[in-house]
Amino acid sequence: MPVATQNLTLKLPADTIRKAKIVAAERGTSISALVTRKIEEIVGEDAAYQSAKRRAFEWLAHGWHLGGERRDG
């Protein structure tokens, strides 16, 4: 099933665009594909970070007995 796509307009310095065209050509792809991959990578990293952060806070909320006397109350 194809993924819905939407256009995005970016303004970049001309020198950056020139260099991006070279990188894309060397990799046999387009600037659009380069940008898409990088954004997907960042979004995936952020999702993984948010998930790990949520788990860490859940573990902290649970608390851990590290030995010694327990004090209830």
Protein backbone atom coordinates (compact mmCIF):
# COMPACT_ATOMS: atom_id res chain seq x y z
CA MET A 1 0.00 0.00 0.00
CA PRO A 2 1.59 3.32 -1.04
CA VAL A 3 2.29 5.90 1.61
CA ALA A 4 0.61 9.29 1.14
CA THR A 5 3.14 11.99 0.47
CA GLN A 6 3.08 15.75 0.60
CA ASN A 7 5.38 18.35 -0.89
CA LEU A 8 7.65 20.47 1.29
CA THR A 9 9.45 23.61 0.19
CA LEU A 10 12.84 24.40 1.69
CA LYS A 11 15.06 27.42 1.34
CA LEU A 12 18.72 26.54 1.55
CA PRO A 13 21.90 28.39 0.68
CA ALA A 14 22.84 27.89 -2.98
CA ASP A 15 26.20 26.37 -1.98
CA THR A 16 24.43 23.78 0.20
CA ILE A 17 22.13 22.84 -2.67
CA ARG A 18 25.09 22.51 -5.03
CA LYS A 19 26.89 20.22 -2.57
CA ALA A 20 23.69 18.22 -1.94
CA LYS A 21 23.31 17.63 -5.69
CA ILE A 22 26.84 16.24 -5.79
CA VAL A 23 26.25 13.97 -2.79
CA ALA A 24 22.95 12.75 -4.24
CA ALA A 25 24.56 12.05 -7.63
CA GLU A 26 27.42 10.15 -5.99
CA ARG A 27 24.87 8.02 -4.13
CA GLY A 28 22.70 7.53 -7.19
CA THR A 29 19.68 9.21 -5.64
CA SER A 30 17.92 12.56 -5.44
CA ILE A 31 18.14 15.42 -2.97
CA SER A 32 14.53 14.67 -2.07
CA ALA A 33 15.42 11.07 -1.21
CA LEU A 34 18.43 12.22 0.85
CA VAL A 35 16.30 14.65 2.84
CA THR A 36 13.51 12.09 3.26
CA ARG A 37 15.90 9.45 4.62
CA LYS A 38 17.52 11.90 7.03
CA ILE A 39 14.21 13.21 8.37
CA GLU A 40 12.89 9.66 8.79
CA GLU A 41 16.10 8.77 10.66
CA ILE A 42 15.70 11.76 13.01
CA VAL A 43 12.02 11.01 13.60
CA GLY A 44 12.82 7.36 14.32
CA GLU A 45 15.59 8.32 16.75
CA ASP A 46 13.26 10.72 18.52
CA ALA A 47 10.54 8.07 18.81
CA ALA A 48 13.06 5.61 20.28
CA TYR A 49 14.31 8.28 22.70
CA GLN A 50 10.78 9.17 23.82
CA SER A 51 9.98 5.48 24.36
CA ALA A 52 13.16 4.93 26.41
CA LYS A 53 12.47 8.09 28.42
CA ARG A 54 8.92 6.91 29.18
CA ARG A 55 10.21 3.50 30.33
CA ALA A 56 12.87 5.14 32.52
CA PHE A 57 10.29 7.34 34.23
CA GLU A 58 8.06 4.29 34.79
CA TRP A 59 10.99 2.47 36.40
CA LEU A 60 11.77 5.48 38.57
CA ALA A 61 8.14 5.78 39.65
CA HIS A 62 8.20 2.10 40.63
CA GLY A 63 11.18 2.65 42.95
CA TRP A 64 13.82 0.13 43.90
CA HIS A 65 14.84 -1.32 47.25
CA LEU A 66 18.61 -1.16 47.34
CA GLY A 67 19.12 -2.92 50.65
CA GLY A 68 19.19 -1.67 54.17
CA GLU A 69 16.19 -1.17 56.38
CA ARG A 70 12.84 -0.49 54.81
CA ARG A 71 11.01 2.50 56.13
CA ASP A 72 7.32 2.49 55.32
CA GLY A 73 5.30 5.65 55.71
